[in-house]
Amino acid sequence: MKRSRELIISQILEVCLDGAIKTNIVYQTNLNFKRIDFYLEKLMDSGFIEAEEGKGIFYKTTDKGFRTLEKLKDIHSELSRI
């Protein structure tokens, strides 16, 4: 079954709550590196996640991303009752 764009975004935001490297995001969301690059770029451009450099690039959900994730969870919860 194909996942919706909103579900994929919410999964990425969830994985990045405490920060994650790209490999962990790929494995936990079951996406390939090409697709994750697309989503990470869009989420960073929109201000939902930020990239921090250290021993590599570390992605973290921003406050805006956290608020959006909570809204997506609420919507998913409501729709699952139908």
N, C-alpha and C. Protein backbone atom coordinates (compact mmCIF):
# COMPACT_ATOMS: atom_id res chain seq x y z
N MET A 1 0.84 -1.18 0.00
CA MET A 1 0.00 0.00 0.00
C MET A 1 0.89 1.25 0.00
N LYS A 2 0.57 2.17 -0.84
CA LYS A 2 1.34 3.40 -0.97
C LYS A 2 0.99 4.35 0.18
N ARG A 3 2.02 4.95 0.79
CA ARG A 3 1.81 5.90 1.88
C ARG A 3 1.58 7.29 1.31
N SER A 4 0.80 8.05 2.04
CA SER A 4 0.55 9.43 1.62
C SER A 4 1.77 10.29 1.94
N ARG A 5 1.84 11.40 1.27
CA ARG A 5 2.93 12.35 1.50
C ARG A 5 2.90 12.84 2.95
N GLU A 6 1.69 13.07 3.48
CA GLU A 6 1.53 13.54 4.85
C GLU A 6 2.03 12.51 5.85
N LEU A 7 1.78 11.24 5.59
CA LEU A 7 2.25 10.18 6.49
C LEU A 7 3.77 10.11 6.48
N ILE A 8 4.36 10.20 5.31
CA ILE A 8 5.83 10.17 5.20
C ILE A 8 6.43 11.36 5.94
N ILE A 9 5.86 12.54 5.76
CA ILE A 9 6.36 13.74 6.44
C ILE A 9 6.24 13.57 7.95
N SER A 10 5.11 13.06 8.42
CA SER A 10 4.96 12.89 9.86
C SER A 10 5.95 11.87 10.41
N GLN A 11 6.25 10.82 9.65
CA GLN A 11 7.24 9.84 10.09
C GLN A 11 8.63 10.46 10.18
N ILE A 12 8.99 11.28 9.21
CA ILE A 12 10.30 11.94 9.23
C ILE A 12 10.38 12.90 10.42
N LEU A 13 9.34 13.70 10.63
CA LEU A 13 9.33 14.62 11.75
C LEU A 13 9.45 13.88 13.08
N GLU A 14 8.79 12.75 13.19
CA GLU A 14 8.84 11.93 14.41
C GLU A 14 10.25 11.41 14.66
N VAL A 15 10.89 10.88 13.63
CA VAL A 15 12.24 10.34 13.77
C VAL A 15 13.22 11.45 14.16
N CYS A 16 13.00 12.65 13.67
CA CYS A 16 13.94 13.76 13.90
C CYS A 16 13.66 14.53 15.19
N LEU A 17 12.69 14.12 15.98
CA LEU A 17 12.36 14.85 17.21
C LEU A 17 13.58 15.02 18.11
N ASP A 18 14.31 13.96 18.33
CA ASP A 18 15.50 14.02 19.18
C ASP A 18 16.78 14.16 18.36
N GLY A 19 16.62 14.33 17.06
CA GLY A 19 17.75 14.44 16.16
C GLY A 19 18.13 13.08 15.60
N ALA A 20 18.53 13.07 14.35
CA ALA A 20 18.89 11.81 13.68
C ALA A 20 19.78 12.09 12.49
N ILE A 21 20.64 11.11 12.18
CA ILE A 21 21.43 11.20 10.96
C ILE A 21 20.61 10.62 9.82
N LYS A 22 21.00 10.93 8.60
CA LYS A 22 20.23 10.53 7.43
C LYS A 22 20.01 9.02 7.36
N THR A 23 21.03 8.24 7.68
CA THR A 23 20.90 6.78 7.61
C THR A 23 19.80 6.28 8.54
N ASN A 24 19.73 6.82 9.75
CA ASN A 24 18.68 6.41 10.68
C ASN A 24 17.29 6.80 10.16
N ILE A 25 17.20 7.97 9.56
CA ILE A 25 15.92 8.41 9.00
C ILE A 25 15.49 7.47 7.88
N VAL A 26 16.43 7.10 7.01
CA VAL A 26 16.14 6.19 5.90
C VAL A 26 15.60 4.86 6.43
N TYR A 27 16.28 4.28 7.40
CA TYR A 27 15.87 2.97 7.92
C TYR A 27 14.55 3.04 8.68
N GLN A 28 14.36 4.06 9.47
CA GLN A 28 13.15 4.14 10.29
C GLN A 28 11.90 4.54 9.51
N THR A 29 12.09 5.20 8.38
CA THR A 29 10.94 5.58 7.56
C THR A 29 10.74 4.67 6.35
N ASN A 30 11.67 3.75 6.15
CA ASN A 30 11.61 2.82 5.03
C ASN A 30 11.57 3.54 3.68
N LEU A 31 12.44 4.54 3.55
CA LEU A 31 12.60 5.26 2.28
C LEU A 31 14.02 5.03 1.79
N ASN A 32 14.25 5.28 0.50
CA ASN A 32 15.62 5.19 0.00
C ASN A 32 16.28 6.56 0.09
N PHE A 33 17.57 6.60 -0.15
CA PHE A 33 18.32 7.85 0.01
C PHE A 33 17.88 8.93 -0.97
N LYS A 34 17.47 8.53 -2.17
CA LYS A 34 17.01 9.52 -3.15
C LYS A 34 15.73 10.20 -2.66
N ARG A 35 14.80 9.42 -2.16
CA ARG A 35 13.52 9.98 -1.68
C ARG A 35 13.73 10.80 -0.41
N ILE A 36 14.59 10.33 0.48
CA ILE A 36 14.78 11.06 1.74
C ILE A 36 15.43 12.41 1.46
N ASP A 37 16.34 12.47 0.48
CA ASP A 37 16.95 13.75 0.11
C ASP A 37 15.89 14.76 -0.33
N PHE A 38 14.92 14.29 -1.12
CA PHE A 38 13.82 15.14 -1.58
C PHE A 38 13.05 15.70 -0.38
N TYR A 39 12.64 14.81 0.52
CA TYR A 39 11.84 15.24 1.67
C TYR A 39 12.64 16.12 2.63
N LEU A 40 13.88 15.78 2.90
CA LEU A 40 14.69 16.59 3.81
C LEU A 40 14.86 18.01 3.26
N GLU A 41 15.09 18.11 1.97
CA GLU A 41 15.25 19.43 1.35
C GLU A 41 13.97 20.25 1.50
N LYS A 42 12.82 19.63 1.20
CA LYS A 42 11.54 20.34 1.29
C LYS A 42 11.22 20.73 2.73
N LEU A 43 11.50 19.82 3.68
CA LEU A 43 11.20 20.11 5.08
C LEU A 43 12.13 21.19 5.64
N MET A 44 13.37 21.22 5.20
CA MET A 44 14.29 22.28 5.63
C MET A 44 13.89 23.62 5.02
N ASP A 45 13.53 23.62 3.73
CA ASP A 45 13.10 24.86 3.07
C ASP A 45 11.86 25.45 3.73
N SER A 46 11.00 24.58 4.28
CA SER A 46 9.77 25.02 4.92
C SER A 46 9.94 25.33 6.40
N GLY A 47 11.11 25.05 6.93
CA GLY A 47 11.38 25.35 8.33
C GLY A 47 10.89 24.30 9.32
N PHE A 48 10.60 23.09 8.84
CA PHE A 48 10.11 22.02 9.71
C PHE A 48 11.24 21.24 10.37
N ILE A 49 12.38 21.18 9.73
CA ILE A 49 13.56 20.55 10.32
C ILE A 49 14.76 21.44 10.05
N GLU A 50 15.81 21.23 10.84
CA GLU A 50 17.05 21.97 10.63
C GLU A 50 18.20 20.97 10.64
N ALA A 51 19.25 21.33 9.94
CA ALA A 51 20.44 20.48 9.87
C ALA A 51 21.53 21.11 10.71
N GLU A 52 22.14 20.29 11.56
CA GLU A 52 23.25 20.74 12.39
C GLU A 52 24.46 19.90 12.01
N GLU A 53 25.59 20.57 11.86
CA GLU A 53 26.80 19.86 11.50
C GLU A 53 27.65 19.58 12.72
N GLY A 54 28.23 18.40 12.73
CA GLY A 54 29.13 17.96 13.79
C GLY A 54 30.03 16.92 13.17
N LYS A 55 29.88 15.69 13.61
CA LYS A 55 30.60 14.56 13.00
C LYS A 55 29.84 14.06 11.78
N GLY A 56 29.03 14.88 11.24
CA GLY A 56 28.17 14.57 10.11
C GLY A 56 26.99 15.52 10.21
N ILE A 57 26.01 15.33 9.38
CA ILE A 57 24.83 16.19 9.42
C ILE A 57 23.77 15.51 10.27
N PHE A 58 23.24 16.26 11.20
CA PHE A 58 22.28 15.80 12.19
C PHE A 58 21.00 16.59 11.95
N TYR A 59 19.88 15.91 11.69
CA TYR A 59 18.61 16.57 11.39
C TYR A 59 17.74 16.58 12.63
N LYS A 60 17.13 17.73 12.90
CA LYS A 60 16.32 17.88 14.10
C LYS A 60 15.03 18.63 13.75
N THR A 61 13.92 18.15 14.31
CA THR A 61 12.63 18.79 14.11
C THR A 61 12.61 20.12 14.85
N THR A 62 12.16 21.16 14.17
CA THR A 62 12.06 22.49 14.79
C THR A 62 10.74 22.60 15.56
N ASP A 63 10.56 23.72 16.25
CA ASP A 63 9.28 23.96 16.95
C ASP A 63 8.12 23.98 15.96
N LYS A 64 8.33 24.60 14.82
CA LYS A 64 7.31 24.63 13.78
C LYS A 64 6.99 23.21 13.31
N GLY A 65 8.02 22.39 13.13
CA GLY A 65 7.83 21.00 12.73
C GLY A 65 7.10 20.21 13.79
N PHE A 66 7.41 20.46 15.06
CA PHE A 66 6.74 19.76 16.16
C PHE A 66 5.26 20.10 16.20
N ARG A 67 4.93 21.38 16.05
CA ARG A 67 3.52 21.79 16.04
C ARG A 67 2.77 21.15 14.86
N THR A 68 3.42 21.09 13.72
CA THR A 68 2.82 20.48 12.53
C THR A 68 2.63 18.98 12.75
N LEU A 69 3.61 18.32 13.35
CA LEU A 69 3.50 16.89 13.65
C LEU A 69 2.31 16.62 14.56
N GLU A 70 2.12 17.44 15.58
CA GLU A 70 0.98 17.27 16.49
C GLU A 70 -0.34 17.41 15.74
N LYS A 71 -0.42 18.38 14.84
CA LYS A 71 -1.63 18.58 14.04
C LYS A 71 -1.87 17.38 13.13
N LEU A 72 -0.82 16.87 12.49
CA LEU A 72 -0.96 15.71 11.62
C LEU A 72 -1.43 14.49 12.40
N LYS A 73 -0.93 14.32 13.63
CA LYS A 73 -1.36 13.20 14.48
C LYS A 73 -2.84 13.34 14.83
N ASP A 74 -3.27 14.55 15.14
CA ASP A 74 -4.68 14.79 15.46
C ASP A 74 -5.57 14.47 14.27
N ILE A 75 -5.17 14.93 13.10
CA ILE A 75 -5.96 14.67 11.89
C ILE A 75 -6.02 13.16 11.61
N HIS A 76 -4.88 12.49 11.70
CA HIS A 76 -4.84 11.05 11.46
C HIS A 76 -5.74 10.32 12.45
N SER A 77 -5.72 10.74 13.70
CA SER A 77 -6.55 10.12 14.74
C SER A 77 -8.04 10.30 14.42
N GLU A 78 -8.41 11.50 14.02
CA GLU A 78 -9.80 11.75 13.67
C GLU A 78 -10.25 10.94 12.45
N LEU A 79 -9.39 10.88 11.44
CA LEU A 79 -9.74 10.15 10.23
C LEU A 79 -9.79 8.65 10.44
N SER A 80 -9.02 8.15 11.38
CA SER A 80 -9.01 6.70 11.62
C SER A 80 -10.32 6.22 12.25
N ARG A 81 -11.12 7.15 12.76
CA ARG A 81 -12.41 6.80 13.36
C ARG A 81 -13.51 6.63 12.33
N ILE A 82 -13.25 7.03 11.11
CA ILE A 82 -14.27 6.95 10.04
C ILE A 82 -14.36 5.53 9.53
